[in-house]
Amino acid sequence: MGNTSQKRPLKDYRRRLGARRMARFSVLGLNTDRELIRSVARRLSENDLEATRIRATMRRALSGNHPKRGGILNALRRSPLVGVDLDLSR
């Protein structure tokens, strides 16, 4: 891109992307994953509630820290009502 007439549209395009807090980048991956990666990027760029959910799910999946089993049972055991005799008869 040697002349100004080619640089100006590219500069304007990147400025508009920056105003939307977007960035253009490239990744390496399998050719078969191209549409998957594009669709994930498209959904994340919407930056709505669904995109937030997708981000959280992907971070959890990629971090390797899976939730421990028995979390609900442990929470119930920590409850302040443990050991209290409740009369649940009708």
N, C-alpha and C. Protein backbone atom coordinates (compact mmCIF):
# COMPACT_ATOMS: atom_id res chain seq x y z
N MET A 1 0.84 -1.17 0.00
CA MET A 1 0.00 0.00 0.00
C MET A 1 0.89 1.23 0.00
N GLY A 2 1.18 1.68 -1.15
CA GLY A 2 2.11 2.77 -1.27
C GLY A 2 1.46 4.15 -1.24
N ASN A 3 0.30 4.31 -1.90
CA ASN A 3 -0.22 5.67 -2.01
C ASN A 3 -1.30 5.97 -0.97
N THR A 4 -1.57 7.24 -0.80
CA THR A 4 -2.49 7.70 0.23
C THR A 4 -3.93 7.26 -0.04
N SER A 5 -4.31 7.16 -1.30
CA SER A 5 -5.68 6.79 -1.61
C SER A 5 -6.01 5.37 -1.13
N GLN A 6 -5.01 4.54 -0.93
CA GLN A 6 -5.25 3.20 -0.42
C GLN A 6 -5.14 3.16 1.10
N LYS A 7 -4.31 4.02 1.67
CA LYS A 7 -4.11 4.01 3.12
C LYS A 7 -5.27 4.66 3.87
N ARG A 8 -5.86 5.69 3.31
CA ARG A 8 -6.91 6.43 3.99
C ARG A 8 -8.14 5.56 4.30
N PRO A 9 -8.68 4.80 3.37
CA PRO A 9 -9.84 3.96 3.71
C PRO A 9 -9.52 2.93 4.79
N LEU A 10 -8.33 2.36 4.74
CA LEU A 10 -7.94 1.39 5.76
C LEU A 10 -7.83 2.05 7.12
N LYS A 11 -7.24 3.23 7.16
CA LYS A 11 -7.11 3.98 8.41
C LYS A 11 -8.50 4.33 8.98
N ASP A 12 -9.40 4.77 8.11
CA ASP A 12 -10.76 5.12 8.53
C ASP A 12 -11.51 3.89 9.05
N TYR A 13 -11.34 2.77 8.36
CA TYR A 13 -11.99 1.52 8.78
C TYR A 13 -11.50 1.11 10.17
N ARG A 14 -10.20 1.15 10.40
CA ARG A 14 -9.64 0.78 11.70
C ARG A 14 -10.07 1.75 12.79
N ARG A 15 -10.20 3.01 12.45
CA ARG A 15 -10.67 4.01 13.42
C ARG A 15 -12.12 3.73 13.82
N ARG A 16 -12.97 3.39 12.84
CA ARG A 16 -14.37 3.05 13.14
C ARG A 16 -14.45 1.79 14.00
N LEU A 17 -13.60 0.80 13.71
CA LEU A 17 -13.57 -0.40 14.55
C LEU A 17 -13.17 -0.05 15.97
N GLY A 18 -12.16 0.79 16.12
CA GLY A 18 -11.70 1.20 17.44
C GLY A 18 -12.76 1.95 18.21
N ALA A 19 -13.56 2.74 17.52
CA ALA A 19 -14.66 3.47 18.17
C ALA A 19 -15.70 2.51 18.72
N ARG A 20 -15.85 1.36 18.09
CA ARG A 20 -16.78 0.33 18.57
C ARG A 20 -16.12 -0.65 19.53
N ARG A 21 -14.87 -0.35 19.94
CA ARG A 21 -14.07 -1.20 20.82
C ARG A 21 -13.85 -2.58 20.21
N MET A 22 -13.68 -2.60 18.90
CA MET A 22 -13.44 -3.84 18.17
C MET A 22 -12.00 -3.82 17.66
N ALA A 23 -11.45 -5.00 17.44
CA ALA A 23 -10.12 -5.12 16.87
C ALA A 23 -10.15 -6.23 15.82
N ARG A 24 -9.34 -6.05 14.83
CA ARG A 24 -9.21 -7.06 13.78
C ARG A 24 -7.96 -7.85 14.06
N PHE A 25 -8.06 -9.17 14.06
CA PHE A 25 -6.89 -10.01 14.31
C PHE A 25 -7.06 -11.32 13.57
N SER A 26 -5.96 -12.03 13.44
CA SER A 26 -6.01 -13.31 12.75
C SER A 26 -5.55 -14.41 13.70
N VAL A 27 -6.06 -15.59 13.46
CA VAL A 27 -5.70 -16.75 14.27
C VAL A 27 -5.37 -17.90 13.33
N LEU A 28 -4.60 -18.82 13.83
CA LEU A 28 -4.30 -20.04 13.09
C LEU A 28 -5.14 -21.16 13.64
N GLY A 29 -5.70 -21.95 12.77
CA GLY A 29 -6.53 -23.07 13.19
C GLY A 29 -6.75 -24.02 12.04
N LEU A 30 -7.48 -25.05 12.34
CA LEU A 30 -7.81 -26.03 11.31
C LEU A 30 -8.82 -25.44 10.33
N ASN A 31 -8.68 -25.81 9.10
CA ASN A 31 -9.58 -25.32 8.07
C ASN A 31 -11.02 -25.73 8.38
N THR A 32 -11.21 -26.87 9.00
CA THR A 32 -12.56 -27.35 9.32
C THR A 32 -13.21 -26.52 10.43
N ASP A 33 -12.41 -25.78 11.21
CA ASP A 33 -12.96 -24.97 12.30
C ASP A 33 -13.23 -23.53 11.90
N ARG A 34 -13.01 -23.20 10.65
CA ARG A 34 -13.15 -21.82 10.18
C ARG A 34 -14.53 -21.24 10.49
N GLU A 35 -15.58 -21.93 10.11
CA GLU A 35 -16.94 -21.41 10.33
C GLU A 35 -17.28 -21.35 11.82
N LEU A 36 -16.81 -22.33 12.60
CA LEU A 36 -17.04 -22.31 14.03
C LEU A 36 -16.41 -21.07 14.67
N ILE A 37 -15.17 -20.81 14.34
CA ILE A 37 -14.45 -19.65 14.90
C ILE A 37 -15.12 -18.36 14.46
N ARG A 38 -15.51 -18.28 13.21
CA ARG A 38 -16.19 -17.07 12.73
C ARG A 38 -17.53 -16.86 13.42
N SER A 39 -18.27 -17.93 13.63
CA SER A 39 -19.58 -17.77 14.28
C SER A 39 -19.43 -17.39 15.74
N VAL A 40 -18.43 -17.94 16.42
CA VAL A 40 -18.18 -17.56 17.81
C VAL A 40 -17.76 -16.09 17.87
N ALA A 41 -16.88 -15.67 16.98
CA ALA A 41 -16.44 -14.27 16.95
C ALA A 41 -17.62 -13.34 16.67
N ARG A 42 -18.49 -13.74 15.77
CA ARG A 42 -19.65 -12.93 15.43
C ARG A 42 -20.57 -12.77 16.63
N ARG A 43 -20.81 -13.88 17.35
CA ARG A 43 -21.68 -13.81 18.53
C ARG A 43 -21.05 -12.99 19.64
N LEU A 44 -19.74 -13.11 19.84
CA LEU A 44 -19.06 -12.34 20.88
C LEU A 44 -19.05 -10.86 20.56
N SER A 45 -19.01 -10.51 19.29
CA SER A 45 -18.96 -9.10 18.91
C SER A 45 -20.27 -8.38 19.20
N GLU A 46 -21.36 -9.12 19.39
CA GLU A 46 -22.63 -8.50 19.72
C GLU A 46 -22.62 -7.92 21.13
N ASN A 47 -21.77 -8.49 22.01
CA ASN A 47 -21.56 -7.98 23.36
C ASN A 47 -22.86 -7.83 24.15
N ASP A 48 -23.72 -8.83 24.06
CA ASP A 48 -24.97 -8.83 24.81
C ASP A 48 -24.91 -9.89 25.91
N LEU A 49 -26.04 -10.20 26.49
CA LEU A 49 -26.09 -11.17 27.58
C LEU A 49 -25.64 -12.56 27.12
N GLU A 50 -26.02 -12.94 25.93
CA GLU A 50 -25.62 -14.24 25.38
C GLU A 50 -24.11 -14.29 25.17
N ALA A 51 -23.51 -13.19 24.71
CA ALA A 51 -22.06 -13.14 24.53
C ALA A 51 -21.34 -13.28 25.87
N THR A 52 -21.89 -12.67 26.90
CA THR A 52 -21.31 -12.79 28.24
C THR A 52 -21.36 -14.23 28.72
N ARG A 53 -22.48 -14.91 28.46
CA ARG A 53 -22.61 -16.31 28.84
C ARG A 53 -21.62 -17.19 28.08
N ILE A 54 -21.46 -16.92 26.80
CA ILE A 54 -20.51 -17.69 25.98
C ILE A 54 -19.09 -17.47 26.49
N ARG A 55 -18.73 -16.23 26.80
CA ARG A 55 -17.39 -15.94 27.33
C ARG A 55 -17.13 -16.71 28.62
N ALA A 56 -18.11 -16.68 29.53
CA ALA A 56 -17.94 -17.38 30.81
C ALA A 56 -17.79 -18.88 30.61
N THR A 57 -18.59 -19.44 29.73
CA THR A 57 -18.52 -20.88 29.46
C THR A 57 -17.19 -21.25 28.84
N MET A 58 -16.71 -20.45 27.90
CA MET A 58 -15.44 -20.75 27.25
C MET A 58 -14.27 -20.59 28.21
N ARG A 59 -14.32 -19.56 29.06
CA ARG A 59 -13.24 -19.39 30.04
C ARG A 59 -13.17 -20.57 30.99
N ARG A 60 -14.35 -21.02 31.43
CA ARG A 60 -14.40 -22.17 32.33
C ARG A 60 -13.86 -23.42 31.65
N ALA A 61 -14.26 -23.63 30.40
CA ALA A 61 -13.83 -24.82 29.67
C ALA A 61 -12.34 -24.79 29.37
N LEU A 62 -11.79 -23.62 29.09
CA LEU A 62 -10.39 -23.53 28.72
C LEU A 62 -9.46 -23.42 29.92
N SER A 63 -10.00 -23.06 31.07
CA SER A 63 -9.14 -22.89 32.25
C SER A 63 -8.71 -24.23 32.84
N GLY A 64 -9.49 -25.26 32.63
CA GLY A 64 -9.17 -26.56 33.20
C GLY A 64 -9.67 -26.72 34.62
N ASN A 65 -10.21 -25.65 35.21
CA ASN A 65 -10.75 -25.72 36.56
C ASN A 65 -12.24 -26.03 36.47
N HIS A 66 -12.55 -27.29 36.51
CA HIS A 66 -13.94 -27.70 36.43
C HIS A 66 -14.56 -27.64 37.83
N PRO A 67 -15.83 -27.30 37.91
CA PRO A 67 -16.47 -27.25 39.22
C PRO A 67 -16.41 -28.61 39.91
N LYS A 68 -16.21 -28.57 41.20
CA LYS A 68 -16.12 -29.82 41.96
C LYS A 68 -17.51 -30.41 42.15
N ARG A 69 -17.56 -31.72 42.20
CA ARG A 69 -18.82 -32.40 42.43
C ARG A 69 -19.21 -32.26 43.88
N GLY A 70 -20.51 -32.21 44.15
CA GLY A 70 -21.01 -32.13 45.51
C GLY A 70 -21.05 -30.71 46.05
N GLY A 71 -21.00 -29.72 45.19
CA GLY A 71 -21.00 -28.33 45.62
C GLY A 71 -22.28 -27.93 46.33
N ILE A 72 -23.42 -28.42 45.86
CA ILE A 72 -24.70 -28.09 46.48
C ILE A 72 -24.80 -28.74 47.85
N LEU A 73 -24.38 -29.98 47.94
CA LEU A 73 -24.41 -30.68 49.22
C LEU A 73 -23.52 -29.98 50.24
N ASN A 74 -22.34 -29.57 49.83
CA ASN A 74 -21.45 -28.86 50.75
C ASN A 74 -22.04 -27.52 51.18
N ALA A 75 -22.72 -26.83 50.29
CA ALA A 75 -23.37 -25.56 50.63
C ALA A 75 -24.48 -25.79 51.64
N LEU A 76 -25.24 -26.86 51.46
CA LEU A 76 -26.30 -27.16 52.42
C LEU A 76 -25.73 -27.53 53.79
N ARG A 77 -24.59 -28.20 53.81
CA ARG A 77 -23.95 -28.56 55.08
C ARG A 77 -23.44 -27.32 55.81
N ARG A 78 -23.09 -26.27 55.10
CA ARG A 78 -22.63 -25.03 55.72
C ARG A 78 -23.78 -24.14 56.15
N SER A 79 -25.00 -24.53 55.86
CA SER A 79 -26.17 -23.73 56.18
C SER A 79 -26.30 -23.51 57.68
N PRO A 80 -26.79 -22.35 58.11
CA PRO A 80 -26.99 -22.10 59.54
C PRO A 80 -28.11 -22.96 60.13
N LEU A 81 -28.90 -23.60 59.31
CA LEU A 81 -30.00 -24.43 59.80
C LEU A 81 -29.58 -25.88 60.07
N VAL A 82 -28.31 -26.20 59.88
CA VAL A 82 -27.85 -27.56 60.13
C VAL A 82 -27.95 -27.85 61.62
N GLY A 83 -28.59 -28.95 61.96
CA GLY A 83 -28.72 -29.35 63.34
C GLY A 83 -29.95 -28.79 64.03
N VAL A 84 -30.69 -27.92 63.39
CA VAL A 84 -31.90 -27.36 63.98
C VAL A 84 -33.03 -28.35 63.75
N ASP A 85 -33.77 -28.66 64.80
CA ASP A 85 -34.92 -29.57 64.65
C ASP A 85 -36.11 -28.76 64.17
N LEU A 86 -36.49 -29.03 62.95
CA LEU A 86 -37.65 -28.36 62.36
C LEU A 86 -38.82 -29.33 62.35
N ASP A 87 -40.00 -28.82 62.73
CA ASP A 87 -41.21 -29.63 62.68
C ASP A 87 -41.85 -29.37 61.33
N LEU A 88 -41.71 -30.30 60.41
CA LEU A 88 -42.22 -30.15 59.06
C LEU A 88 -43.54 -30.89 58.86
N SER A 89 -44.17 -31.33 59.92
CA SER A 89 -45.46 -32.02 59.79
C SER A 89 -46.57 -31.01 59.52
N ARG A 90 -47.60 -31.48 58.86
CA ARG A 90 -48.72 -30.60 58.51
C ARG A 90 -49.86 -30.80 59.47
